[in-house]
Amino acid sequence: MDRFPFPDDLIRAQQQWHDTYRALAAPRPRRATELRRRLLALSVRIQWHSFWSTAAGRTPAARVELRQRTAADRTRVAA
């Protein structure tokens, strides 16, 4: 069971962040500037999401769980 009730838009933004980061980390990525801008925009969207001002979102563990949960989802999809 998940400890934190993350909103769907926050989960999608974090998944998109992981996808964009992986695309940028590839050797000689195409459209690197566009990817960097997208990564920055997603980072801002995630950082300032309203969930972080709720009681559940105020703990550092919530941020860690969001990253782990979305990275794990991406790993399973890729496998």
C-alpha atoms as a PDB file:
ATOM      1  CA  MET A   1       0.000   0.000   0.000  1.00  0.00           C
ATOM      2  CA  ASP A   2       1.181   3.491  -0.805  1.00  0.00           C
ATOM      3  CA  ARG A   3       1.898   5.742   2.139  1.00  0.00           C
ATOM      4  CA  PHE A   4       1.203   9.005   0.328  1.00  0.00           C
ATOM      5  CA  PRO A   5      -1.869   9.886  -1.761  1.00  0.00           C
ATOM      6  CA  PHE A   6      -0.073  11.545  -4.677  1.00  0.00           C
ATOM      7  CA  PRO A   7      -2.308  13.336  -7.186  1.00  0.00           C
ATOM      8  CA  ASP A   8      -2.293  11.872 -10.702  1.00  0.00           C
ATOM      9  CA  ASP A   9      -0.889  15.037 -12.295  1.00  0.00           C
ATOM     10  CA  LEU A  10       2.086  15.002  -9.920  1.00  0.00           C
ATOM     11  CA  ILE A  11       2.799  11.343 -10.693  1.00  0.00           C
ATOM     12  CA  ARG A  12       2.588  12.013 -14.446  1.00  0.00           C
ATOM     13  CA  ALA A  13       4.923  15.012 -14.146  1.00  0.00           C
ATOM     14  CA  GLN A  14       7.485  12.944 -12.245  1.00  0.00           C
ATOM     15  CA  GLN A  15       7.234  10.117 -14.807  1.00  0.00           C
ATOM     16  CA  GLN A  16       7.737  12.628 -17.613  1.00  0.00           C
ATOM     17  CA  TRP A  17      10.724  14.025 -15.723  1.00  0.00           C
ATOM     18  CA  HIS A  18      12.307  10.550 -15.580  1.00  0.00           C
ATOM     19  CA  ASP A  19      11.620   9.977 -19.290  1.00  0.00           C
ATOM     20  CA  THR A  20      13.103  13.348 -20.235  1.00  0.00           C
ATOM     21  CA  TYR A  21      16.146  12.803 -18.035  1.00  0.00           C
ATOM     22  CA  ARG A  22      16.807   9.411 -19.634  1.00  0.00           C
ATOM     23  CA  ALA A  23      16.477  10.916 -23.109  1.00  0.00           C
ATOM     24  CA  LEU A  24      18.933  13.660 -22.180  1.00  0.00           C
ATOM     25  CA  ALA A  25      21.363  11.162 -20.634  1.00  0.00           C
ATOM     26  CA  ALA A  26      21.610   9.176 -23.871  1.00  0.00           C
ATOM     27  CA  PRO A  27      24.847   9.578 -25.823  1.00  0.00           C
ATOM     28  CA  ARG A  28      24.553  12.552 -28.178  1.00  0.00           C
ATOM     29  CA  PRO A  29      20.866  13.266 -27.549  1.00  0.00           C
ATOM     30  CA  ARG A  30      18.861  14.917 -30.286  1.00  0.00           C
ATOM     31  CA  ARG A  31      17.266  18.247 -29.395  1.00  0.00           C
ATOM     32  CA  ALA A  32      19.352  18.552 -26.206  1.00  0.00           C
ATOM     33  CA  THR A  33      18.366  22.174 -25.625  1.00  0.00           C
ATOM     34  CA  GLU A  34      14.681  21.321 -25.902  1.00  0.00           C
ATOM     35  CA  LEU A  35      15.135  18.401 -23.496  1.00  0.00           C
ATOM     36  CA  ARG A  36      16.971  20.593 -20.965  1.00  0.00           C
ATOM     37  CA  ARG A  37      14.192  23.180 -21.107  1.00  0.00           C
ATOM     38  CA  ARG A  38      11.542  20.494 -20.657  1.00  0.00           C
ATOM     39  CA  LEU A  39      13.452  19.015 -17.707  1.00  0.00           C
ATOM     40  CA  LEU A  40      13.639  22.435 -16.085  1.00  0.00           C
ATOM     41  CA  ALA A  41       9.922  23.119 -16.635  1.00  0.00           C
ATOM     42  CA  LEU A  42       8.979  19.732 -15.190  1.00  0.00           C
ATOM     43  CA  SER A  43      11.279  20.300 -12.212  1.00  0.00           C
ATOM     44  CA  VAL A  44       9.539  23.595 -11.465  1.00  0.00           C
ATOM     45  CA  ARG A  45       6.080  22.014 -11.854  1.00  0.00           C
ATOM     46  CA  ILE A  46       7.012  19.202  -9.451  1.00  0.00           C
ATOM     47  CA  GLN A  47       8.770  21.443  -6.919  1.00  0.00           C
ATOM     48  CA  TRP A  48       5.881  23.917  -6.601  1.00  0.00           C
ATOM     49  CA  HIS A  49       2.983  21.452  -6.814  1.00  0.00           C
ATOM     50  CA  SER A  50       0.249  22.152  -4.267  1.00  0.00           C
ATOM     51  CA  PHE A  51       0.571  18.620  -2.828  1.00  0.00           C
ATOM     52  CA  TRP A  52       3.775  19.638  -1.029  1.00  0.00           C
ATOM     53  CA  SER A  53       1.855  22.140   1.108  1.00  0.00           C
ATOM     54  CA  THR A  54      -0.507  19.447   2.462  1.00  0.00           C
ATOM     55  CA  ALA A  55       0.160  17.550   5.683  1.00  0.00           C
ATOM     56  CA  ALA A  56       1.132  14.386   3.764  1.00  0.00           C
ATOM     57  CA  GLY A  57       3.471  16.276   1.449  1.00  0.00           C
ATOM     58  CA  ARG A  58       5.453  18.135   4.097  1.00  0.00           C
ATOM     59  CA  THR A  59       7.814  15.255   4.856  1.00  0.00           C
ATOM     60  CA  PRO A  60      11.006  14.559   2.908  1.00  0.00           C
ATOM     61  CA  ALA A  61       9.915  10.912   2.761  1.00  0.00           C
ATOM     62  CA  ALA A  62       7.051  11.911   0.453  1.00  0.00           C
ATOM     63  CA  ARG A  63       9.464  13.308  -2.153  1.00  0.00           C
ATOM     64  CA  VAL A  64      11.642  10.220  -1.938  1.00  0.00           C
ATOM     65  CA  GLU A  65       8.666   7.897  -2.313  1.00  0.00           C
ATOM     66  CA  LEU A  66       7.395   9.828  -5.346  1.00  0.00           C
ATOM     67  CA  ARG A  67      10.761   9.470  -7.103  1.00  0.00           C
ATOM     68  CA  GLN A  68      11.098   5.804  -6.171  1.00  0.00           C
ATOM     69  CA  ARG A  69       7.561   4.917  -7.159  1.00  0.00           C
ATOM     70  CA  THR A  70       7.766   6.605 -10.557  1.00  0.00           C
ATOM     71  CA  ALA A  71      11.267   5.301 -11.300  1.00  0.00           C
ATOM     72  CA  ALA A  72      10.133   1.785 -10.412  1.00  0.00           C
ATOM     73  CA  ASP A  73       7.143   2.135 -12.757  1.00  0.00           C
ATOM     74  CA  ARG A  74       9.465   3.142 -15.595  1.00  0.00           C
ATOM     75  CA  THR A  75      11.860   0.270 -14.877  1.00  0.00           C
ATOM     76  CA  ARG A  76       9.052  -2.286 -15.047  1.00  0.00           C
ATOM     77  CA  VAL A  77       7.770  -0.824 -18.315  1.00  0.00           C
ATOM     78  CA  ALA A  78      11.250  -0.924 -19.850  1.00  0.00           C
ATOM     79  CA  ALA A  79      11.917  -4.504 -18.701  1.00  0.00           C
END
